[in-house]
C-alpha atoms as a PDB file:
ATOM      1  CA  MET A   1       0.113   0.143   0.062  1.00  0.00           C
ATOM      2  CA  LYS A   2       1.814   3.229  -1.065  1.00  0.00           C
ATOM      3  CA  GLY A   3      -0.721   5.769   0.514  1.00  0.00           C
ATOM      4  CA  LEU A   4      -3.783   7.687   0.126  1.00  0.00           C
ATOM      5  CA  PRO A   5      -4.885   8.664  -3.520  1.00  0.00           C
ATOM      6  CA  PRO A   6      -4.301  12.192  -4.322  1.00  0.00           C
ATOM      7  CA  ALA A   7      -7.978  13.391  -3.921  1.00  0.00           C
ATOM      8  CA  LEU A   8      -7.903  12.106  -0.424  1.00  0.00           C
ATOM      9  CA  LYS A   9      -4.530  13.180   0.708  1.00  0.00           C
ATOM     10  CA  ARG A  10      -4.332  16.166   2.838  1.00  0.00           C
ATOM     11  CA  ARG A  11      -2.239  19.211   2.062  1.00  0.00           C
ATOM     12  CA  LYS A  12       0.413  20.387   4.343  1.00  0.00           C
ATOM     13  CA  ARG A  13       1.785  23.809   4.967  1.00  0.00           C
ATOM     14  CA  TYR A  14       4.621  24.919   6.898  1.00  0.00           C
ATOM     15  CA  ILE A  15       5.181  27.838   9.311  1.00  0.00           C
ATOM     16  CA  ALA A  16       8.385  29.377   9.853  1.00  0.00           C
ATOM     17  CA  PHE A  17       8.580  31.143  13.188  1.00  0.00           C
ATOM     18  CA  ARG A  18      11.002  32.499  15.667  1.00  0.00           C
ATOM     19  CA  ILE A  19      10.988  32.546  19.498  1.00  0.00           C
ATOM     20  CA  ILE A  20      12.254  35.648  21.395  1.00  0.00           C
ATOM     21  CA  ALA A  21      13.467  34.520  24.800  1.00  0.00           C
ATOM     22  CA  GLU A  22      16.405  34.839  27.407  1.00  0.00           C
ATOM     23  CA  ARG A  23      17.638  31.344  26.612  1.00  0.00           C
ATOM     24  CA  LYS A  24      17.161  28.725  24.097  1.00  0.00           C
ATOM     25  CA  PHE A  25      14.484  25.882  24.034  1.00  0.00           C
ATOM     26  CA  ASP A  26      14.701  22.297  22.616  1.00  0.00           C
ATOM     27  CA  GLN A  27      12.212  20.812  20.011  1.00  0.00           C
ATOM     28  CA  ARG A  28      10.417  19.047  22.767  1.00  0.00           C
ATOM     29  CA  GLN A  29       9.663  21.963  24.675  1.00  0.00           C
ATOM     30  CA  ILE A  30       8.227  23.899  21.697  1.00  0.00           C
ATOM     31  CA  VAL A  31       5.906  21.047  20.486  1.00  0.00           C
ATOM     32  CA  SER A  32       4.822  20.783  24.154  1.00  0.00           C
ATOM     33  CA  ALA A  33       3.973  24.553  24.404  1.00  0.00           C
ATOM     34  CA  VAL A  34       2.283  24.586  20.674  1.00  0.00           C
ATOM     35  CA  ILE A  35       0.124  21.764  21.582  1.00  0.00           C
ATOM     36  CA  ASP A  36      -0.808  23.036  25.056  1.00  0.00           C
ATOM     37  CA  SER A  37      -1.803  26.261  23.479  1.00  0.00           C
ATOM     38  CA  LEU A  38      -3.831  24.529  20.750  1.00  0.00           C
ATOM     39  CA  ILE A  39      -5.932  22.492  23.233  1.00  0.00           C
ATOM     40  CA  LYS A  40      -6.269  25.554  25.581  1.00  0.00           C
ATOM     41  CA  THR A  41      -7.802  27.676  22.913  1.00  0.00           C
ATOM     42  CA  PHE A  42      -9.526  25.446  20.421  1.00  0.00           C
ATOM     43  CA  GLY A  43     -10.202  22.449  22.977  1.00  0.00           C
ATOM     44  CA  GLU A  44      -9.209  19.024  22.437  1.00  0.00           C
ATOM     45  CA  PHE A  45     -11.634  18.516  19.673  1.00  0.00           C
ATOM     46  CA  GLY A  46     -10.690  21.575  17.553  1.00  0.00           C
ATOM     47  CA  SER A  47      -7.134  20.850  18.050  1.00  0.00           C
ATOM     48  CA  ALA A  48      -7.112  17.100  17.015  1.00  0.00           C
ATOM     49  CA  ASN A  49      -7.147  17.478  13.488  1.00  0.00           C
ATOM     50  CA  THR A  50      -4.350  19.982  12.889  1.00  0.00           C
ATOM     51  CA  GLY A  51      -1.431  17.698  12.198  1.00  0.00           C
ATOM     52  CA  VAL A  52       0.986  20.011  14.001  1.00  0.00           C
ATOM     53  CA  TRP A  53       4.629  18.860  14.326  1.00  0.00           C
ATOM     54  CA  ILE A  54       7.904  20.617  14.512  1.00  0.00           C
ATOM     55  CA  GLU A  55       9.999  19.727  11.172  1.00  0.00           C
ATOM     56  CA  HIS A  56      13.029  21.691  12.270  1.00  0.00           C
ATOM     57  CA  PHE A  57      13.994  24.010  15.361  1.00  0.00           C
ATOM     58  CA  ASP A  58      17.537  25.296  16.299  1.00  0.00           C
ATOM     59  CA  GLY A  59      16.804  26.739  19.487  1.00  0.00           C
ATOM     60  CA  GLU A  60      15.417  29.957  18.209  1.00  0.00           C
ATOM     61  CA  LYS A  61      14.072  29.607  14.713  1.00  0.00           C
ATOM     62  CA  GLY A  62      11.999  26.640  13.449  1.00  0.00           C
ATOM     63  CA  ILE A  63       9.354  25.026  11.143  1.00  0.00           C
ATOM     64  CA  ILE A  64       5.990  23.886  11.895  1.00  0.00           C
ATOM     65  CA  ARG A  65       4.211  21.496   9.731  1.00  0.00           C
ATOM     66  CA  CYS A  66       0.297  21.723   9.909  1.00  0.00           C
ATOM     67  CA  TYR A  67      -2.472  20.749   7.445  1.00  0.00           C
ATOM     68  CA  ASN A  68      -3.610  23.431   5.178  1.00  0.00           C
ATOM     69  CA  GLU A  69      -7.200  23.636   7.008  1.00  0.00           C
ATOM     70  CA  ALA A  70      -5.400  24.459  10.267  1.00  0.00           C
ATOM     71  CA  ILE A  71      -3.023  27.366   9.099  1.00  0.00           C
ATOM     72  CA  ASP A  72      -4.817  29.905  10.975  1.00  0.00           C
ATOM     73  CA  LYS A  73      -5.609  27.824  14.282  1.00  0.00           C
ATOM     74  CA  VAL A  74      -2.067  27.125  14.454  1.00  0.00           C
ATOM     75  CA  LYS A  75      -0.834  30.603  13.912  1.00  0.00           C
ATOM     76  CA  VAL A  76      -3.260  32.092  16.705  1.00  0.00           C
ATOM     77  CA  ALA A  77      -1.991  29.139  19.104  1.00  0.00           C
ATOM     78  CA  LEU A  78       1.535  30.036  18.234  1.00  0.00           C
ATOM     79  CA  THR A  79       0.978  33.822  19.046  1.00  0.00           C
ATOM     80  CA  LEU A  80      -0.719  33.158  22.232  1.00  0.00           C
ATOM     81  CA  ILE A  81       2.124  31.486  23.916  1.00  0.00           C
ATOM     82  CA  ASN A  82       3.751  33.962  26.487  1.00  0.00           C
ATOM     83  CA  ARG A  83       5.437  31.437  28.485  1.00  0.00           C
ATOM     84  CA  ILE A  84       7.421  28.082  28.035  1.00  0.00           C
ATOM     85  CA  GLY A  85       8.104  26.775  31.354  1.00  0.00           C
ATOM     86  CA  ASP A  86       9.109  29.972  33.688  1.00  0.00           C
ATOM     87  CA  VAL A  87      10.489  31.867  30.971  1.00  0.00           C
ATOM     88  CA  ARG A  88       8.612  34.619  28.967  1.00  0.00           C
ATOM     89  CA  VAL A  89       8.802  34.391  25.424  1.00  0.00           C
ATOM     90  CA  ILE A  90       7.574  36.167  22.252  1.00  0.00           C
ATOM     91  CA  PRO A  91       6.677  34.143  19.292  1.00  0.00           C
ATOM     92  CA  LEU A  92       6.832  35.746  15.859  1.00  0.00           C
ATOM     93  CA  THR A  93       5.406  33.950  12.536  1.00  0.00           C
ATOM     94  CA  LEU A  94       7.801  34.714   9.740  1.00  0.00           C
ATOM     95  CA  GLY A  95       5.938  33.238   6.916  1.00  0.00           C
ATOM     96  CA  VAL A  96       4.003  30.556   5.788  1.00  0.00           C
ATOM     97  CA  SER A  97       4.752  28.278   2.540  1.00  0.00           C
ATOM     98  CA  GLY A  98       3.814  24.993   0.780  1.00  0.00           C
ATOM     99  CA  THR A  99       7.351  23.485   0.857  1.00  0.00           C
ATOM    100  CA  ILE A 100      10.078  23.370   3.439  1.00  0.00           C
ATOM    101  CA  LYS A 101      12.430  24.484   0.855  1.00  0.00           C
ATOM    102  CA  LYS A 102      10.890  27.684   0.458  1.00  0.00           C
ATOM    103  CA  CYS A 103      10.020  28.130   4.194  1.00  0.00           C
ATOM    104  CA  LYS A 104      13.746  27.797   5.112  1.00  0.00           C
ATOM    105  CA  ARG A 105      14.128  31.127   3.013  1.00  0.00           C
ATOM    106  CA  TYR A 106      12.202  32.947   5.755  1.00  0.00           C
ATOM    107  CA  LEU A 107      14.602  31.514   8.445  1.00  0.00           C
ATOM    108  CA  GLU A 108      17.452  33.206   6.378  1.00  0.00           C
ATOM    109  CA  VAL A 109      16.238  36.584   7.262  1.00  0.00           C
END
């Protein structure tokens, strides 16, 4: 089985982001913060079909993968994060793209 036919396959989008904080974080902490923010904002049912995952994170900048229909939810949840652990943070959305390659260009700026 090679996967779903193209008509049934869900399209993904990639969101480039930056976390401004006093220290750097690891990928696990960012995933946890984004998923917690999604659940607090939209509930478990509303955040279940977002397909959120961190594709790349270097401690300050990263790329979040999600389904096309969930872009707005993920961007809202990302901007509502104000603390990770006990550290205050400011998340910034740098850009949205359909490919990782183009999304990496937003990280270079």
